[in-house]
PDB file of N, CA and C in Angstrom:
ATOM      1  N   UNK A   1    -104.547 100.261-152.128  1.00  0.00           N
ATOM      2  CA  UNK A   1    -103.529  99.645-151.325  1.00  0.00           C
ATOM      3  C   UNK A   1    -104.147  98.645-150.412  1.00  0.00           C
ATOM      4  N   UNK A   2    -103.662  97.530-150.221  1.00  0.00           N
ATOM      5  CA  UNK A   2    -104.011  96.505-149.312  1.00  0.00           C
ATOM      6  C   UNK A   2    -103.207  96.355-148.049  1.00  0.00           C
ATOM      7  N   UNK A   3    -103.679  96.387-146.886  1.00  0.00           N
ATOM      8  CA  UNK A   3    -102.808  96.314-145.712  1.00  0.00           C
ATOM      9  C   UNK A   3    -103.014  94.888-145.188  1.00  0.00           C
ATOM     10  N   UNK A   4    -101.997  94.223-144.740  1.00  0.00           N
ATOM     11  CA  UNK A   4    -102.041  92.968-144.185  1.00  0.00           C
ATOM     12  C   UNK A   4    -101.488  92.988-142.744  1.00  0.00           C
ATOM     13  N   UNK A   5    -102.213  92.468-141.885  1.00  0.00           N
ATOM     14  CA  UNK A   5    -101.718  92.360-140.406  1.00  0.00           C
ATOM     15  C   UNK A   5    -101.243  90.970-140.294  1.00  0.00           C
ATOM     16  N   UNK A   6     -99.902  90.973-139.637  1.00  0.00           N
ATOM     17  CA  UNK A   6     -99.366  89.760-139.323  1.00  0.00           C
ATOM     18  C   UNK A   6     -99.582  89.467-137.702  1.00  0.00           C
ATOM     19  N   UNK A   7    -100.147  88.331-137.431  1.00  0.00           N
ATOM     20  CA  UNK A   7    -100.285  88.060-135.936  1.00  0.00           C
ATOM     21  C   UNK A   7     -99.011  87.927-135.290  1.00  0.00           C
ATOM     22  N   UNK A   8     -98.838  88.537-134.092  1.00  0.00           N
ATOM     23  CA  UNK A   8     -97.552  88.552-133.450  1.00  0.00           C
ATOM     24  C   UNK A   8     -97.185  87.053-132.954  1.00  0.00           C
ATOM     25  N   UNK A   9     -97.999  86.150-133.005  1.00  0.00           N
ATOM     26  CA  UNK A   9     -97.872  84.909-132.531  1.00  0.00           C
ATOM     27  C   UNK A   9     -98.142  83.723-133.678  1.00  0.00           C
ATOM     28  N   UNK A  10     -97.040  83.581-134.515  1.00  0.00           N
ATOM     29  CA  UNK A  10     -97.353  82.571-135.621  1.00  0.00           C
ATOM     30  C   UNK A  10     -97.494  81.145-135.185  1.00  0.00           C
ATOM     31  N   UNK A  11     -98.280  80.337-135.964  1.00  0.00           N
ATOM     32  CA  UNK A  11     -98.269  79.071-135.490  1.00  0.00           C
ATOM     33  C   UNK A  11     -97.088  78.382-135.412  1.00  0.00           C
ATOM     34  N   UNK A  12     -96.853  77.520-134.252  1.00  0.00           N
ATOM     35  CA  UNK A  12     -95.656  76.815-134.101  1.00  0.00           C
ATOM     36  C   UNK A  12     -95.353  75.846-135.107  1.00  0.00           C
ATOM     37  N   UNK A  13     -96.585  75.238-135.619  1.00  0.00           N
ATOM     38  CA  UNK A  13     -96.597  74.177-136.500  1.00  0.00           C
ATOM     39  C   UNK A  13     -96.399  72.877-135.796  1.00  0.00           C
ATOM     40  N   UNK A  14     -96.408  72.873-134.493  1.00  0.00           N
ATOM     41  CA  UNK A  14     -96.280  71.586-133.690  1.00  0.00           C
ATOM     42  C   UNK A  14     -97.654  70.985-133.440  1.00  0.00           C
ATOM     43  N   UNK A  15     -97.595  69.813-133.035  1.00  0.00           N
ATOM     44  CA  UNK A  15     -98.818  69.126-132.831  1.00  0.00           C
ATOM     45  C   UNK A  15     -99.086  69.264-131.264  1.00  0.00           C
ATOM     46  N   UNK A  16     -99.830  70.299-130.850  1.00  0.00           N
ATOM     47  CA  UNK A  16    -100.112  70.678-129.498  1.00  0.00           C
ATOM     48  C   UNK A  16    -101.005  69.497-128.859  1.00  0.00           C
ATOM     49  N   UNK A  17    -100.670  69.023-127.740  1.00  0.00           N
ATOM     50  CA  UNK A  17    -101.331  68.058-127.020  1.00  0.00           C
ATOM     51  C   UNK A  17    -101.762  68.489-125.530  1.00  0.00           C
ATOM     52  N   UNK A  18    -102.828  67.991-125.138  1.00  0.00           N
ATOM     53  CA  UNK A  18    -103.337  68.228-123.700  1.00  0.00           C
ATOM     54  C   UNK A  18    -102.206  67.331-122.774  1.00  0.00           C
ATOM     55  N   UNK A  19    -101.898  68.107-121.794  1.00  0.00           N
ATOM     56  CA  UNK A  19    -100.895  67.453-120.935  1.00  0.00           C
ATOM     57  C   UNK A  19    -101.547  66.335-120.028  1.00  0.00           C
ATOM     58  N   UNK A  20    -102.966  66.572-119.868  1.00  0.00           N
ATOM     59  CA  UNK A  20    -103.812  65.374-119.101  1.00  0.00           C
ATOM     60  C   UNK A  20    -103.995  64.180-119.809  1.00  0.00           C
ATOM     61  N   UNK A  21    -104.677  64.419-120.976  1.00  0.00           N
ATOM     62  CA  UNK A  21    -105.353  63.261-121.662  1.00  0.00           C
ATOM     63  C   UNK A  21    -104.654  63.069-123.081  1.00  0.00           C
ATOM     64  N   UNK A  22    -103.585  63.764-123.387  1.00  0.00           N
ATOM     65  CA  UNK A  22    -102.930  63.626-124.686  1.00  0.00           C
ATOM     66  C   UNK A  22    -103.826  63.913-125.899  1.00  0.00           C
ATOM     67  N   UNK A  23    -104.940  64.463-125.825  1.00  0.00           N
ATOM     68  CA  UNK A  23    -105.659  64.894-127.054  1.00  0.00           C
ATOM     69  C   UNK A  23    -105.081  66.083-127.748  1.00  0.00           C
ATOM     70  N   UNK A  24    -105.441  66.119-128.960  1.00  0.00           N
ATOM     71  CA  UNK A  24    -105.050  67.281-129.758  1.00  0.00           C
ATOM     72  C   UNK A  24    -105.693  68.535-129.423  1.00  0.00           C
ATOM     73  N   UNK A  25    -104.908  69.526-129.223  1.00  0.00           N
ATOM     74  CA  UNK A  25    -105.594  70.819-129.076  1.00  0.00           C
ATOM     75  C   UNK A  25    -104.822  71.853-129.979  1.00  0.00           C
ATOM     76  N   UNK A  26    -105.524  72.781-130.419  1.00  0.00           N
ATOM     77  CA  UNK A  26    -105.072  73.592-131.463  1.00  0.00           C
ATOM     78  C   UNK A  26    -104.085  74.674-130.664  1.00  0.00           C
ATOM     79  N   UNK A  27    -103.100  75.101-131.496  1.00  0.00           N
ATOM     80  CA  UNK A  27    -102.155  76.257-130.969  1.00  0.00           C
ATOM     81  C   UNK A  27    -102.905  77.440-130.380  1.00  0.00           C
ATOM     82  N   UNK A  28    -104.025  77.781-131.018  1.00  0.00           N
ATOM     83  CA  UNK A  28    -104.791  78.962-130.319  1.00  0.00           C
ATOM     84  C   UNK A  28    -105.458  78.602-129.116  1.00  0.00           C
ATOM     85  N   UNK A  29    -105.952  77.347-128.895  1.00  0.00           N
ATOM     86  CA  UNK A  29    -106.498  76.874-127.628  1.00  0.00           C
ATOM     87  C   UNK A  29    -105.401  77.012-126.540  1.00  0.00           C
ATOM     88  N   UNK A  30    -104.282  76.347-126.802  1.00  0.00           N
ATOM     89  CA  UNK A  30    -103.061  76.469-125.888  1.00  0.00           C
ATOM     90  C   UNK A  30    -102.704  77.944-125.563  1.00  0.00           C
ATOM     91  N   UNK A  31    -102.752  78.699-126.541  1.00  0.00           N
ATOM     92  CA  UNK A  31    -102.305  79.999-126.382  1.00  0.00           C
ATOM     93  C   UNK A  31    -103.233  80.721-125.565  1.00  0.00           C
ATOM     94  N   UNK A  32    -104.471  80.742-125.816  1.00  0.00           N
ATOM     95  CA  UNK A  32    -105.572  81.424-124.952  1.00  0.00           C
ATOM     96  C   UNK A  32    -105.780  80.887-123.702  1.00  0.00           C
ATOM     97  N   UNK A  33    -105.982  79.474-123.495  1.00  0.00           N
ATOM     98  CA  UNK A  33    -106.442  78.955-122.233  1.00  0.00           C
ATOM     99  C   UNK A  33    -105.177  78.322-121.475  1.00  0.00           C
ATOM    100  N   UNK A  34    -104.209  78.103-122.039  1.00  0.00           N
ATOM    101  CA  UNK A  34    -103.063  77.439-121.524  1.00  0.00           C
ATOM    102  C   UNK A  34    -102.298  78.216-120.686  1.00  0.00           C
ATOM    103  N   UNK A  35    -101.063  77.663-120.150  1.00  0.00           N
ATOM    104  CA  UNK A  35    -100.158  78.437-119.103  1.00  0.00           C
ATOM    105  C   UNK A  35     -99.399  79.222-119.951  1.00  0.00           C
ATOM    106  N   UNK A  36     -98.429  80.015-119.248  1.00  0.00           N
ATOM    107  CA  UNK A  36     -97.642  81.116-119.852  1.00  0.00           C
ATOM    108  C   UNK A  36     -96.608  80.479-120.907  1.00  0.00           C
ATOM    109  N   UNK A  37     -96.386  79.238-120.896  1.00  0.00           N
ATOM    110  CA  UNK A  37     -95.609  78.633-122.034  1.00  0.00           C
ATOM    111  C   UNK A  37     -96.487  77.951-123.147  1.00  0.00           C
ATOM    112  N   UNK A  38     -97.859  78.430-123.239  1.00  0.00           N
ATOM    113  CA  UNK A  38     -98.767  77.961-124.200  1.00  0.00           C
ATOM    114  C   UNK A  38     -98.918  76.409-124.284  1.00  0.00           C
ATOM    115  N   UNK A  39     -98.941  75.833-122.900  1.00  0.00           N
ATOM    116  CA  UNK A  39     -99.256  74.379-122.894  1.00  0.00           C
ATOM    117  C   UNK A  39    -100.566  74.261-122.233  1.00  0.00           C
ATOM    118  N   UNK A  40    -101.499  73.434-122.711  1.00  0.00           N
ATOM    119  CA  UNK A  40    -102.777  73.061-122.345  1.00  0.00           C
ATOM    120  C   UNK A  40    -102.595  71.918-121.319  1.00  0.00           C
ATOM    121  N   UNK A  41    -102.991  72.221-119.933  1.00  0.00           N
ATOM    122  CA  UNK A  41    -103.026  71.110-118.976  1.00  0.00           C
ATOM    123  C   UNK A  41    -104.284  70.281-118.985  1.00  0.00           C
ATOM    124  N   UNK A  42    -105.261  70.857-119.530  1.00  0.00           N
ATOM    125  CA  UNK A  42    -106.651  70.172-119.627  1.00  0.00           C
ATOM    126  C   UNK A  42    -107.327  70.803-120.918  1.00  0.00           C
ATOM    127  N   UNK A  43    -108.181  69.952-121.513  1.00  0.00           N
ATOM    128  CA  UNK A  43    -108.820  70.463-122.646  1.00  0.00           C
ATOM    129  C   UNK A  43    -110.374  70.152-122.754  1.00  0.00           C
ATOM    130  N   UNK A  44    -111.038  70.508-123.786  1.00  0.00           N
ATOM    131  CA  UNK A  44    -112.544  70.092-123.696  1.00  0.00           C
ATOM    132  C   UNK A  44    -112.668  68.529-123.811  1.00  0.00           C
ATOM    133  N   UNK A  45    -111.788  67.735-124.216  1.00  0.00           N
ATOM    134  CA  UNK A  45    -112.098  66.332-124.110  1.00  0.00           C
ATOM    135  C   UNK A  45    -112.027  65.717-122.758  1.00  0.00           C
ATOM    136  N   UNK A  46    -111.367  66.422-121.750  1.00  0.00           N
ATOM    137  CA  UNK A  46    -111.173  65.861-120.353  1.00  0.00           C
ATOM    138  C   UNK A  46    -111.682  66.696-119.268  1.00  0.00           C
ATOM    139  N   UNK A  47    -112.148  67.953-119.692  1.00  0.00           N
ATOM    140  CA  UNK A  47    -112.737  68.897-118.671  1.00  0.00           C
ATOM    141  C   UNK A  47    -113.887  69.661-119.172  1.00  0.00           C
ATOM    142  N   UNK A  48    -114.662  70.280-118.263  1.00  0.00           N
ATOM    143  CA  UNK A  48    -115.721  71.156-118.658  1.00  0.00           C
ATOM    144  C   UNK A  48    -115.321  72.457-119.185  1.00  0.00           C
ATOM    145  N   UNK A  49    -115.982  73.160-119.928  1.00  0.00           N
ATOM    146  CA  UNK A  49    -115.771  74.611-120.456  1.00  0.00           C
ATOM    147  C   UNK A  49    -115.635  75.606-119.214  1.00  0.00           C
ATOM    148  N   UNK A  50    -116.534  75.195-118.413  1.00  0.00           N
ATOM    149  CA  UNK A  50    -116.664  76.122-117.160  1.00  0.00           C
ATOM    150  C   UNK A  50    -115.356  76.103-116.370  1.00  0.00           C
ATOM    151  N   UNK A  51    -114.751  75.011-116.192  1.00  0.00           N
ATOM    152  CA  UNK A  51    -113.502  74.846-115.541  1.00  0.00           C
ATOM    153  C   UNK A  51    -112.360  75.301-116.372  1.00  0.00           C
ATOM    154  N   UNK A  52    -112.406  75.068-117.692  1.00  0.00           N
ATOM    155  CA  UNK A  52    -111.245  75.567-118.506  1.00  0.00           C
ATOM    156  C   UNK A  52    -111.163  77.100-118.517  1.00  0.00           C
ATOM    157  N   UNK A  53    -112.303  77.688-118.553  1.00  0.00           N
ATOM    158  CA  UNK A  53    -112.238  79.140-118.799  1.00  0.00           C
ATOM    159  C   UNK A  53    -111.803  79.829-117.317  1.00  0.00           C
ATOM    160  N   UNK A  54    -111.859  79.068-116.304  1.00  0.00           N
ATOM    161  CA  UNK A  54    -111.525  79.512-115.018  1.00  0.00           C
ATOM    162  C   UNK A  54    -110.060  79.136-114.635  1.00  0.00           C
ATOM    163  N   UNK A  55    -109.366  78.502-115.562  1.00  0.00           N
ATOM    164  CA  UNK A  55    -108.083  78.177-115.291  1.00  0.00           C
ATOM    165  C   UNK A  55    -107.496  76.858-115.146  1.00  0.00           C
ATOM    166  N   UNK A  56    -108.353  75.977-115.261  1.00  0.00           N
ATOM    167  CA  UNK A  56    -107.819  74.542-115.281  1.00  0.00           C
ATOM    168  C   UNK A  56    -106.988  74.191-116.578  1.00  0.00           C
ATOM    169  N   UNK A  57    -107.217  74.791-117.698  1.00  0.00           N
ATOM    170  CA  UNK A  57    -106.350  74.500-118.858  1.00  0.00           C
ATOM    171  C   UNK A  57    -104.974  75.114-118.596  1.00  0.00           C
ATOM    172  N   UNK A  58    -104.807  75.961-117.820  1.00  0.00           N
ATOM    173  CA  UNK A  58    -103.524  76.602-117.410  1.00  0.00           C
ATOM    174  C   UNK A  58    -102.798  75.969-116.303  1.00  0.00           C
ATOM    175  N   UNK A  59    -103.418  74.848-115.685  1.00  0.00           N
ATOM    176  CA  UNK A  59    -102.892  74.100-114.612  1.00  0.00           C
ATOM    177  C   UNK A  59    -103.212  74.679-113.263  1.00  0.00           C
ATOM    178  N   UNK A  60    -104.199  75.591-113.208  1.00  0.00           N
ATOM    179  CA  UNK A  60    -104.515  75.999-111.911  1.00  0.00           C
ATOM    180  C   UNK A  60    -105.540  75.231-111.332  1.00  0.00           C
ATOM    181  N   UNK A  61    -105.647  75.171-109.970  1.00  0.00           N
ATOM    182  CA  UNK A  61    -106.786  74.567-109.233  1.00  0.00           C
ATOM    183  C   UNK A  61    -107.994  75.424-109.342  1.00  0.00           C
ATOM    184  N   UNK A  62    -109.108  74.818-109.567  1.00  0.00           N
ATOM    185  CA  UNK A  62    -110.470  75.695-109.644  1.00  0.00           C
ATOM    186  C   UNK A  62    -111.345  74.939-108.682  1.00  0.00           C
ATOM    187  N   UNK A  63    -112.372  75.926-108.143  1.00  0.00           N
ATOM    188  CA  UNK A  63    -113.366  75.400-107.123  1.00  0.00           C
ATOM    189  C   UNK A  63    -114.465  74.565-107.714  1.00  0.00           C
ATOM    190  N   UNK A  64    -114.512  74.461-108.984  1.00  0.00           N
ATOM    191  CA  UNK A  64    -115.586  73.775-109.648  1.00  0.00           C
ATOM    192  C   UNK A  64    -115.248  72.185-109.680  1.00  0.00           C
ATOM    193  N   UNK A  65    -116.005  71.292-109.370  1.00  0.00           N
ATOM    194  CA  UNK A  65    -115.768  69.978-109.397  1.00  0.00           C
ATOM    195  C   UNK A  65    -115.371  69.545-110.613  1.00  0.00           C
ATOM    196  N   UNK A  66    -114.361  68.597-110.643  1.00  0.00           N
ATOM    197  CA  UNK A  66    -113.581  67.998-111.648  1.00  0.00           C
ATOM    198  C   UNK A  66    -114.553  66.879-112.334  1.00  0.00           C
ATOM    199  N   UNK A  67    -114.906  66.896-113.696  1.00  0.00           N
ATOM    200  CA  UNK A  67    -115.719  65.858-114.225  1.00  0.00           C
ATOM    201  C   UNK A  67    -115.235  64.480-113.988  1.00  0.00           C
ATOM    202  N   UNK A  68    -113.918  64.333-113.831  1.00  0.00           N
ATOM    203  CA  UNK A  68    -113.306  62.937-113.799  1.00  0.00           C
ATOM    204  C   UNK A  68    -113.680  62.465-112.433  1.00  0.00           C
ATOM    205  N   UNK A  69    -113.769  63.158-111.214  1.00  0.00           N
ATOM    206  CA  UNK A  69    -113.977  62.661-110.051  1.00  0.00           C
ATOM    207  C   UNK A  69    -115.334  62.918-109.360  1.00  0.00           C
ATOM    208  N   UNK A  70    -116.201  63.694-110.124  1.00  0.00           N
ATOM    209  CA  UNK A  70    -117.501  64.024-109.649  1.00  0.00           C
ATOM    210  C   UNK A  70    -118.539  63.377-110.665  1.00  0.00           C
ATOM    211  N   UNK A  71    -119.244  62.276-110.373  1.00  0.00           N
ATOM    212  CA  UNK A  71    -120.127  61.631-111.290  1.00  0.00           C
ATOM    213  C   UNK A  71    -121.145  62.647-111.709  1.00  0.00           C
ATOM    214  N   UNK A  72    -121.625  62.500-113.020  1.00  0.00           N
ATOM    215  CA  UNK A  72    -122.793  63.210-113.406  1.00  0.00           C
ATOM    216  C   UNK A  72    -122.334  64.583-114.084  1.00  0.00           C
ATOM    217  N   UNK A  73    -121.017  64.885-114.130  1.00  0.00           N
ATOM    218  CA  UNK A  73    -120.612  66.158-114.473  1.00  0.00           C
ATOM    219  C   UNK A  73    -120.309  65.955-116.079  1.00  0.00           C
ATOM    220  N   UNK A  74    -120.084  67.105-116.701  1.00  0.00           N
ATOM    221  CA  UNK A  74    -119.701  67.140-118.229  1.00  0.00           C
ATOM    222  C   UNK A  74    -120.613  66.609-119.126  1.00  0.00           C
ATOM    223  N   UNK A  75    -121.787  66.555-118.875  1.00  0.00           N
ATOM    224  CA  UNK A  75    -122.835  66.124-119.708  1.00  0.00           C
ATOM    225  C   UNK A  75    -123.198  64.636-119.402  1.00  0.00           C
ATOM    226  N   UNK A  76    -122.514  64.037-118.704  1.00  0.00           N
ATOM    227  CA  UNK A  76    -122.858  62.524-118.493  1.00  0.00           C
ATOM    228  C   UNK A  76    -123.785  62.198-117.322  1.00  0.00           C
ATOM    229  N   UNK A  77    -124.320  60.996-117.278  1.00  0.00           N
ATOM    230  CA  UNK A  77    -125.071  60.609-116.237  1.00  0.00           C
ATOM    231  C   UNK A  77    -124.320  59.941-115.164  1.00  0.00           C
ATOM    232  N   UNK A  78    -124.713  59.967-113.855  1.00  0.00           N
ATOM    233  CA  UNK A  78    -123.960  59.458-112.837  1.00  0.00           C
ATOM    234  C   UNK A  78    -124.172  57.965-112.851  1.00  0.00           C
ATOM    235  N   UNK A  79    -123.174  57.251-112.490  1.00  0.00           N
ATOM    236  CA  UNK A  79    -123.253  55.748-112.417  1.00  0.00           C
ATOM    237  C   UNK A  79    -124.051  55.435-111.125  1.00  0.00           C
ATOM    238  N   UNK A  80    -124.901  54.636-111.252  1.00  0.00           N
ATOM    239  CA  UNK A  80    -125.702  54.227-109.845  1.00  0.00           C
ATOM    240  C   UNK A  80    -125.348  52.940-109.473  1.00  0.00           C
TER     241      UNK A  80
END
């Protein structure tokens, strides 16, 4: 006998987009990191993983500097 588990959250089949930069995000990313309506407010294209995991993807303010406003963040070099 083979048992199959059905996930309680089927894919919506929609094209999930980042609310900030309009990049594609997976349904799973939006569900895990996004807000309570499975919307991603920030994504790996526009924010750092450190900030995303602390709530920026859910639209929360976090204490870690934003890579868009703090030069040299997100793996880039600061413009001198």
